[in-house]
Amino acid sequence: GALRWSVYAESGAVWSVEFTPDGRELVTASDSRVALWAAETGAVQRVLPYDGGQITRARLSPDGSRVAVTSVDGKVRLFDAAQTELVKEIEADNNALWSVAFSPDGRRLATASSDEVVALWDIDTGKQLAAFAGHSGGATDVAWLGDGVTLVAIDRSGNLHLWDASSGRRLTEPWPAHKGASWRIALHPDGKRFGTSGDDGHVKLWDELSVLRACEIGRPAFDETRRQQYLGNTERSVACDQQP
């Protein structure tokens, strides 16, 4: 319980902190600066050359090589974590972006914006792949589950949303997770469970819910005959078909 070290990151608020995958560094995002600190000593190692709008979040890629930074100007700026170079800039929205998340394979980004949309982006091309609407009051955080298919998002009304990133469909109707705005999602290392926090003072841990589990539950009742009856002969259940 002893304090290891403390640093003064910036005069403004510090919006996010995250350890690098090897645990050797800590990434902080404050109002106008993203910095990497030595986890053992608290010594600043590198500062990203950021010159955009007020920062809202910084997230590391799964391998720790990239840092995605969101801001109130609606842009995602992708940096090389080691060289501190700007790699790509995506104009994701004309409103504030509250959060960003890398897919488990590191090839896509999900953004959460104040205009109530969660959007998916191809990192290599910068093109939008999908957009999911209906996050009341604005989407405030987003996370990928470990299956690489299921997206979890929360909003300012405290609702929890689950999406199938492959088909663009909802997995369920929004759940009333918190009374008041919810701002953070924390993914469990198993990639299946996750926690949410809200303005109601509660932290909630959610049981596993993924496309794979949904397919397993539904498979006995939704056989090939019923699949053809409801989906026809041409349309397939993309998410379940790709699962082992």
Protein backbone atom coordinates (compact mmCIF):
# COMPACT_ATOMS: atom_id res chain seq x y z
CA GLY A 1 0.00 0.00 0.00
CA ALA A 2 3.00 2.35 -0.02
CA LEU A 3 3.23 5.08 -2.65
CA ARG A 4 5.98 4.16 -5.13
CA TRP A 5 6.35 7.55 -6.80
CA SER A 6 4.38 10.62 -7.83
CA VAL A 7 4.92 12.95 -10.78
CA TYR A 8 3.37 16.22 -11.89
CA ALA A 9 2.12 15.34 -15.35
CA GLU A 10 0.60 18.69 -16.32
CA SER A 11 -1.30 21.63 -14.86
CA GLY A 12 -4.57 20.35 -16.37
CA ALA A 13 -6.46 17.14 -15.78
CA VAL A 14 -4.95 13.71 -16.42
CA TRP A 15 -7.56 11.76 -18.39
CA SER A 16 -6.04 8.30 -18.74
CA VAL A 17 -3.16 6.11 -17.61
CA GLU A 18 -2.09 2.78 -19.07
CA PHE A 19 0.84 0.41 -18.63
CA THR A 20 2.72 -0.75 -21.71
CA PRO A 21 2.31 -4.51 -22.39
CA ASP A 22 5.75 -5.26 -20.91
CA GLY A 23 4.92 -3.29 -17.76
CA ARG A 24 8.06 -1.15 -18.02
CA GLU A 25 6.39 2.15 -18.88
CA LEU A 26 3.25 4.09 -18.06
CA VAL A 27 1.43 6.21 -20.66
CA THR A 28 -0.44 9.28 -19.41
CA ALA A 29 -2.80 11.55 -21.32
CA SER A 30 -3.45 15.02 -19.93
CA ASP A 31 -5.13 18.05 -21.48
CA SER A 32 -2.37 18.78 -23.99
CA ARG A 33 0.36 16.18 -23.46
CA VAL A 34 0.91 12.44 -23.83
CA ALA A 35 3.99 11.17 -22.02
CA LEU A 36 5.64 7.83 -21.29
CA TRP A 37 7.17 7.32 -17.84
CA ALA A 38 9.49 4.68 -16.41
CA ALA A 39 7.26 2.47 -14.27
CA GLU A 40 9.97 1.84 -11.68
CA THR A 41 11.19 5.39 -11.13
CA GLY A 42 8.60 7.78 -12.56
CA ALA A 43 11.20 9.41 -14.81
CA VAL A 44 9.79 10.78 -18.04
CA GLN A 45 11.05 8.77 -21.00
CA ARG A 46 9.35 10.33 -24.02
CA VAL A 47 6.75 12.98 -24.83
CA LEU A 48 4.68 12.78 -28.00
CA PRO A 49 4.83 15.84 -30.30
CA TYR A 50 1.14 16.64 -29.94
CA ASP A 51 -0.30 19.96 -31.17
CA GLY A 52 -4.04 19.31 -31.56
CA GLY A 53 -7.14 20.03 -29.49
CA GLN A 54 -7.70 19.13 -25.86
CA ILE A 55 -6.85 15.47 -25.33
CA THR A 56 -9.49 13.09 -24.02
CA ARG A 57 -7.78 9.69 -24.10
CA ALA A 58 -4.65 7.80 -25.16
CA ARG A 59 -4.59 4.08 -25.83
CA LEU A 60 -1.81 1.65 -26.68
CA SER A 61 -1.95 -0.95 -29.42
CA PRO A 62 -1.85 -4.59 -28.23
CA ASP A 63 1.87 -4.87 -29.02
CA GLY A 64 2.64 -1.46 -27.49
CA SER A 65 4.13 -0.05 -30.69
CA ARG A 66 1.44 2.57 -31.35
CA VAL A 67 -0.41 5.17 -29.29
CA ALA A 68 -3.82 6.39 -30.44
CA VAL A 69 -4.82 9.81 -29.08
CA THR A 70 -8.34 11.27 -29.21
CA SER A 71 -9.34 14.88 -28.68
CA VAL A 72 -12.21 17.36 -28.71
CA ASP A 73 -11.37 18.31 -32.31
CA GLY A 74 -12.72 14.95 -33.50
CA LYS A 75 -9.42 13.55 -34.73
CA VAL A 76 -7.52 10.38 -33.90
CA ARG A 77 -3.77 10.82 -34.03
CA LEU A 78 -1.69 7.67 -34.25
CA PHE A 79 1.90 7.84 -32.98
CA ASP A 80 4.87 5.51 -33.05
CA ALA A 81 5.45 4.90 -29.33
CA ALA A 82 9.21 4.35 -29.62
CA GLN A 83 10.09 7.05 -32.15
CA THR A 84 7.37 9.51 -30.97
CA GLU A 85 6.45 10.22 -34.59
CA LEU A 86 2.98 10.97 -35.92
CA VAL A 87 2.10 8.03 -38.16
CA LYS A 88 -1.46 8.79 -39.20
CA GLU A 89 -4.26 11.26 -38.56
CA ILE A 90 -7.90 10.24 -38.98
CA GLU A 91 -10.65 12.85 -39.11
CA ALA A 92 -13.20 10.69 -37.34
CA ASP A 93 -15.84 13.26 -36.41
CA ASN A 94 -16.69 16.95 -36.26
CA ASN A 95 -17.52 16.58 -32.57
CA ALA A 96 -15.45 15.54 -29.57
CA LEU A 97 -14.08 12.03 -29.43
CA TRP A 98 -14.16 10.65 -25.89
CA SER A 99 -12.28 7.41 -26.37
CA VAL A 100 -10.57 4.99 -28.71
CA ALA A 101 -9.68 1.29 -28.64
CA PHE A 102 -7.52 -1.00 -30.76
CA SER A 103 -8.88 -4.32 -31.96
CA PRO A 104 -7.04 -7.37 -30.54
CA ASP A 105 -5.23 -7.87 -33.86
CA GLY A 106 -4.15 -4.21 -33.92
CA ARG A 107 -5.59 -3.62 -37.40
CA ARG A 108 -8.71 -1.61 -36.54
CA LEU A 109 -9.72 1.23 -34.26
CA ALA A 110 -13.03 1.90 -32.56
CA THR A 111 -13.88 5.48 -31.61
CA ALA A 112 -16.53 6.80 -29.23
CA SER A 113 -17.86 10.28 -30.01
CA SER A 114 -20.13 12.85 -28.42
CA ASP A 115 -22.51 12.67 -31.39
CA GLU A 116 -23.72 9.28 -30.05
CA VAL A 117 -21.77 7.17 -32.56
CA VAL A 118 -19.20 4.41 -32.18
CA ALA A 119 -17.26 3.99 -35.43
CA LEU A 120 -14.77 1.44 -36.74
CA TRP A 121 -11.69 2.39 -38.75
CA ASP A 122 -9.10 0.57 -40.81
CA ILE A 123 -5.73 1.71 -39.48
CA ASP A 124 -3.79 1.19 -42.71
CA THR A 125 -6.17 3.13 -44.96
CA GLY A 126 -7.88 5.40 -42.44
CA LYS A 127 -11.25 4.48 -43.94
CA GLN A 128 -14.40 4.05 -41.88
CA LEU A 129 -15.60 0.46 -41.80
CA ALA A 130 -18.83 0.83 -39.83
CA ALA A 131 -20.78 3.18 -37.59
CA PHE A 132 -23.08 2.26 -34.70
CA ALA A 133 -25.57 4.86 -33.48
CA GLY A 134 -27.90 5.24 -30.52
CA HIS A 135 -25.52 5.96 -27.62
CA SER A 136 -27.71 8.40 -25.71
CA GLY A 137 -25.98 11.64 -24.78
CA GLY A 138 -22.77 10.54 -26.50
CA ALA A 139 -20.60 7.42 -26.51
CA THR A 140 -18.05 7.86 -23.74
CA ASP A 141 -15.91 4.71 -23.88
CA VAL A 142 -15.49 1.64 -26.06
CA ALA A 143 -13.62 -1.66 -25.78
CA TRP A 144 -13.08 -4.80 -27.84
CA LEU A 145 -13.55 -8.16 -26.19
CA GLY A 146 -10.89 -10.78 -26.77
CA ASP A 147 -12.86 -12.56 -29.50
CA GLY A 148 -12.09 -9.65 -31.83
CA VAL A 149 -15.77 -9.45 -32.79
CA THR A 150 -17.67 -8.09 -29.80
CA LEU A 151 -17.62 -4.34 -29.11
CA VAL A 152 -18.71 -2.94 -25.74
CA ALA A 153 -19.66 0.74 -25.42
CA ILE A 154 -21.13 2.96 -22.72
CA ASP A 155 -22.82 6.35 -22.88
CA ARG A 156 -23.78 9.45 -20.93
CA SER A 157 -27.13 7.94 -19.98
CA GLY A 158 -25.39 5.04 -18.26
CA ASN A 159 -26.44 2.50 -20.87
CA LEU A 160 -24.30 -0.45 -21.93
CA HIS A 161 -24.24 -1.41 -25.61
CA LEU A 162 -22.91 -4.60 -27.22
CA TRP A 163 -22.24 -4.82 -30.95
CA ASP A 164 -21.18 -7.49 -33.42
CA ALA A 165 -18.37 -5.74 -35.29
CA SER A 166 -18.51 -8.25 -38.16
CA SER A 167 -22.17 -7.85 -39.07
CA GLY A 168 -22.82 -4.38 -37.60
CA ARG A 169 -25.74 -5.67 -35.56
CA ARG A 170 -26.64 -5.22 -31.93
CA LEU A 171 -26.17 -8.28 -29.76
CA THR A 172 -28.85 -7.06 -27.35
CA GLU A 173 -30.88 -4.00 -26.50
CA PRO A 174 -28.99 -1.39 -24.42
CA TRP A 175 -28.70 -2.36 -20.76
CA PRO A 176 -29.28 0.26 -18.01
CA ALA A 177 -25.88 -0.20 -16.40
CA HIS A 178 -25.59 2.99 -14.31
CA LYS A 179 -27.82 5.75 -12.98
CA GLY A 180 -26.19 8.68 -14.68
CA ALA A 181 -23.28 8.89 -17.07
CA SER A 182 -20.76 6.08 -17.36
CA TRP A 183 -17.26 7.03 -18.49
CA ARG A 184 -14.92 4.06 -18.26
CA ILE A 185 -14.67 0.43 -19.34
CA ALA A 186 -11.90 -1.82 -18.02
CA LEU A 187 -11.33 -5.09 -19.85
CA HIS A 188 -10.35 -8.15 -17.81
CA PRO A 189 -7.13 -9.90 -18.96
CA ASP A 190 -9.20 -12.93 -20.02
CA GLY A 191 -10.78 -10.75 -22.73
CA LYS A 192 -14.26 -11.92 -21.76
CA ARG A 193 -15.27 -9.98 -18.66
CA PHE A 194 -15.19 -6.23 -18.20
CA GLY A 195 -15.93 -3.56 -15.62
CA THR A 196 -17.74 -0.23 -15.93
CA SER A 197 -17.77 2.84 -13.69
CA GLY A 198 -20.38 5.55 -13.43
CA ASP A 199 -21.34 8.89 -11.96
CA ASP A 200 -23.59 6.95 -9.59
CA GLY A 201 -20.47 5.93 -7.66
CA HIS A 202 -20.70 2.27 -8.65
CA VAL A 203 -18.16 0.00 -10.30
CA LYS A 204 -19.74 -3.05 -11.91
CA LEU A 205 -18.13 -6.24 -13.19
CA TRP A 206 -19.97 -7.90 -16.05
CA ASP A 207 -20.06 -11.62 -16.77
CA GLU A 208 -18.76 -12.95 -20.06
CA LEU A 209 -20.89 -12.05 -23.06
CA SER A 210 -19.45 -12.57 -26.50
CA VAL A 211 -20.53 -13.56 -29.98
CA LEU A 212 -18.93 -17.00 -29.47
CA ARG A 213 -20.94 -17.61 -26.32
CA ALA A 214 -24.13 -16.37 -27.99
CA CYS A 215 -23.52 -18.74 -30.91
CA GLU A 216 -22.94 -21.66 -28.54
CA ILE A 217 -26.15 -20.92 -26.64
CA GLY A 218 -28.24 -20.50 -29.77
CA ARG A 219 -26.80 -23.27 -31.94
CA PRO A 220 -29.03 -26.15 -30.68
CA ALA A 221 -32.22 -24.13 -31.25
CA PHE A 222 -31.13 -22.41 -34.48
CA ASP A 223 -30.28 -25.34 -36.72
CA GLU A 224 -29.84 -25.31 -40.51
CA THR A 225 -33.57 -25.65 -41.17
CA ARG A 226 -34.45 -22.65 -39.00
CA ARG A 227 -31.54 -20.69 -40.40
CA GLN A 228 -32.91 -21.09 -43.95
CA GLN A 229 -36.42 -20.30 -42.73
CA TYR A 230 -35.42 -16.98 -41.14
CA LEU A 231 -32.36 -15.94 -43.14
CA GLY A 232 -33.02 -17.58 -46.48
CA ASN A 233 -30.60 -19.59 -48.56
CA THR A 234 -28.19 -16.75 -49.34
CA GLU A 235 -27.73 -14.71 -46.15
CA ARG A 236 -25.54 -16.31 -43.55
CA SER A 237 -25.00 -15.55 -39.86
CA VAL A 238 -21.55 -14.12 -40.45
CA ALA A 239 -20.37 -13.99 -36.85
CA CYS A 240 -21.41 -17.55 -35.96
CA ASP A 241 -20.16 -18.99 -39.25
CA GLN A 242 -16.62 -17.76 -38.57
CA GLN A 243 -16.52 -19.22 -35.06
CA PRO A 244 -14.92 -22.66 -34.57
